[in-house]
Amino acid sequence: MYGKKILLCSALSLSLLTVGVPSFASTGHVETQSVAIQSDASTQELVDDYVYSRENKFANSFTRNGITWYLKDIKYSNGWYIGHYQANI
């Protein structure tokens, strides 16, 4: 009785081990890829620029000298609208 139980438990453990091995092997590969992506993005720097206008009309984005600037915020101060733009350089 005990011999059959031990044999059955051993067989189940072995089958679970062989099924789980491919998933453990693939997780390390996925983590390596995500680290590489993060290191590429961290080489860029966010730079701010401000555009002043009497009217509250600002483009969502514009390109100047090959750099694309994106609108982040608009504030009003002393009769001027101030558009806050950011770019990755």
C-alpha atoms as a PDB file:
ATOM      1  CA  MET A   1       0.000   0.000   0.000  1.00  0.00           C
ATOM      2  CA  TYR A   2       2.691   2.480   1.004  1.00  0.00           C
ATOM      3  CA  GLY A   3       4.876   1.502  -1.943  1.00  0.00           C
ATOM      4  CA  LYS A   4       2.121   2.360  -4.456  1.00  0.00           C
ATOM      5  CA  LYS A   5       1.468   5.672  -2.719  1.00  0.00           C
ATOM      6  CA  ILE A   6       5.164   6.638  -2.786  1.00  0.00           C
ATOM      7  CA  LEU A   7       5.476   5.612  -6.434  1.00  0.00           C
ATOM      8  CA  LEU A   8       2.371   7.608  -7.399  1.00  0.00           C
ATOM      9  CA  CYS A   9       3.548  10.740  -5.526  1.00  0.00           C
ATOM     10  CA  SER A  10       7.002  10.489  -7.100  1.00  0.00           C
ATOM     11  CA  ALA A  11       5.515  10.221 -10.581  1.00  0.00           C
ATOM     12  CA  LEU A  12       3.265  13.248  -9.986  1.00  0.00           C
ATOM     13  CA  SER A  13       6.156  15.308  -8.625  1.00  0.00           C
ATOM     14  CA  LEU A  14       8.322  14.462 -11.606  1.00  0.00           C
ATOM     15  CA  SER A  15       5.564  15.382 -14.069  1.00  0.00           C
ATOM     16  CA  LEU A  16       5.012  18.746 -12.323  1.00  0.00           C
ATOM     17  CA  LEU A  17       8.737  19.444 -12.402  1.00  0.00           C
ATOM     18  CA  THR A  18       9.055  18.772 -16.131  1.00  0.00           C
ATOM     19  CA  VAL A  19       5.961  20.880 -16.927  1.00  0.00           C
ATOM     20  CA  GLY A  20       7.219  23.834 -14.847  1.00  0.00           C
ATOM     21  CA  VAL A  21      10.781  23.933 -16.228  1.00  0.00           C
ATOM     22  CA  PRO A  22       9.967  25.682 -19.565  1.00  0.00           C
ATOM     23  CA  SER A  23       8.065  28.447 -17.779  1.00  0.00           C
ATOM     24  CA  PHE A  24      11.007  29.113 -15.447  1.00  0.00           C
ATOM     25  CA  ALA A  25      13.402  29.207 -18.380  1.00  0.00           C
ATOM     26  CA  SER A  26      11.295  31.733 -20.312  1.00  0.00           C
ATOM     27  CA  THR A  27      10.847  34.141 -17.383  1.00  0.00           C
ATOM     28  CA  GLY A  28      14.532  35.017 -17.206  1.00  0.00           C
ATOM     29  CA  HIS A  29      14.563  35.836 -20.904  1.00  0.00           C
ATOM     30  CA  VAL A  30      11.576  38.202 -20.590  1.00  0.00           C
ATOM     31  CA  GLU A  31      13.164  40.085 -17.690  1.00  0.00           C
ATOM     32  CA  THR A  32      16.373  40.550 -19.665  1.00  0.00           C
ATOM     33  CA  GLN A  33      14.441  42.101 -22.549  1.00  0.00           C
ATOM     34  CA  SER A  34      12.583  44.556 -20.307  1.00  0.00           C
ATOM     35  CA  VAL A  35      15.831  45.725 -18.700  1.00  0.00           C
ATOM     36  CA  ALA A  36      17.303  46.414 -22.147  1.00  0.00           C
ATOM     37  CA  ILE A  37      14.273  48.504 -23.106  1.00  0.00           C
ATOM     38  CA  GLN A  38      14.509  50.543 -19.915  1.00  0.00           C
ATOM     39  CA  SER A  39      18.189  51.283 -20.418  1.00  0.00           C
ATOM     40  CA  ASP A  40      17.526  52.599 -23.948  1.00  0.00           C
ATOM     41  CA  ALA A  41      14.836  55.004 -22.704  1.00  0.00           C
ATOM     42  CA  SER A  42      16.928  56.234 -19.784  1.00  0.00           C
ATOM     43  CA  THR A  43      19.525  57.750 -22.132  1.00  0.00           C
ATOM     44  CA  GLN A  44      17.049  60.454 -23.178  1.00  0.00           C
ATOM     45  CA  GLU A  45      16.455  63.630 -21.204  1.00  0.00           C
ATOM     46  CA  LEU A  46      13.219  65.632 -20.839  1.00  0.00           C
ATOM     47  CA  VAL A  47      13.706  69.304 -21.733  1.00  0.00           C
ATOM     48  CA  ASP A  48      11.183  72.092 -21.054  1.00  0.00           C
ATOM     49  CA  ASP A  49      10.305  75.067 -23.280  1.00  0.00           C
ATOM     50  CA  TYR A  50       7.733  77.841 -22.787  1.00  0.00           C
ATOM     51  CA  VAL A  51       5.767  79.646 -25.507  1.00  0.00           C
ATOM     52  CA  TYR A  52       4.006  82.957 -24.712  1.00  0.00           C
ATOM     53  CA  SER A  53       0.847  84.077 -26.522  1.00  0.00           C
ATOM     54  CA  ARG A  54      -1.937  86.662 -26.045  1.00  0.00           C
ATOM     55  CA  GLU A  55      -4.495  84.077 -27.283  1.00  0.00           C
ATOM     56  CA  ASN A  56      -5.241  80.688 -25.779  1.00  0.00           C
ATOM     57  CA  LYS A  57      -4.352  78.807 -28.987  1.00  0.00           C
ATOM     58  CA  PHE A  58      -1.505  76.290 -28.805  1.00  0.00           C
ATOM     59  CA  ALA A  59      -0.600  73.340 -31.006  1.00  0.00           C
ATOM     60  CA  ASN A  60      -0.557  69.904 -29.341  1.00  0.00           C
ATOM     61  CA  SER A  61       2.922  69.403 -30.788  1.00  0.00           C
ATOM     62  CA  PHE A  62       5.386  71.077 -33.146  1.00  0.00           C
ATOM     63  CA  THR A  63       8.822  70.313 -34.581  1.00  0.00           C
ATOM     64  CA  ARG A  64      11.741  72.740 -34.395  1.00  0.00           C
ATOM     65  CA  ASN A  65      15.317  71.876 -35.429  1.00  0.00           C
ATOM     66  CA  GLY A  66      14.369  68.196 -35.757  1.00  0.00           C
ATOM     67  CA  ILE A  67      13.017  68.007 -32.183  1.00  0.00           C
ATOM     68  CA  THR A  68       9.316  67.374 -31.573  1.00  0.00           C
ATOM     69  CA  TRP A  69       7.858  69.338 -28.662  1.00  0.00           C
ATOM     70  CA  TYR A  70       4.624  68.215 -26.904  1.00  0.00           C
ATOM     71  CA  LEU A  71       2.198  70.490 -25.033  1.00  0.00           C
ATOM     72  CA  LYS A  72       1.981  69.597 -21.333  1.00  0.00           C
ATOM     73  CA  ASP A  73       0.197  72.554 -19.707  1.00  0.00           C
ATOM     74  CA  ILE A  74      -1.209  76.052 -20.304  1.00  0.00           C
ATOM     75  CA  LYS A  75      -1.202  78.785 -17.651  1.00  0.00           C
ATOM     76  CA  TYR A  76      -2.415  82.392 -17.652  1.00  0.00           C
ATOM     77  CA  SER A  77      -0.342  85.146 -16.047  1.00  0.00           C
ATOM     78  CA  ASN A  78      -0.365  88.962 -16.440  1.00  0.00           C
ATOM     79  CA  GLY A  79      -2.321  88.939 -19.702  1.00  0.00           C
ATOM     80  CA  TRP A  80      -0.226  86.164 -21.291  1.00  0.00           C
ATOM     81  CA  TYR A  81      -1.022  82.526 -21.926  1.00  0.00           C
ATOM     82  CA  ILE A  82       2.046  80.373 -21.317  1.00  0.00           C
ATOM     83  CA  GLY A  83       2.279  77.036 -23.095  1.00  0.00           C
ATOM     84  CA  HIS A  84       4.562  74.520 -21.364  1.00  0.00           C
ATOM     85  CA  TYR A  85       6.151  72.129 -23.871  1.00  0.00           C
ATOM     86  CA  GLN A  86       8.452  69.117 -23.300  1.00  0.00           C
ATOM     87  CA  ALA A  87      10.704  67.107 -25.606  1.00  0.00           C
ATOM     88  CA  ASN A  88      12.913  64.019 -25.289  1.00  0.00           C
ATOM     89  CA  ILE A  89      16.484  64.799 -26.245  1.00  0.00           C
END
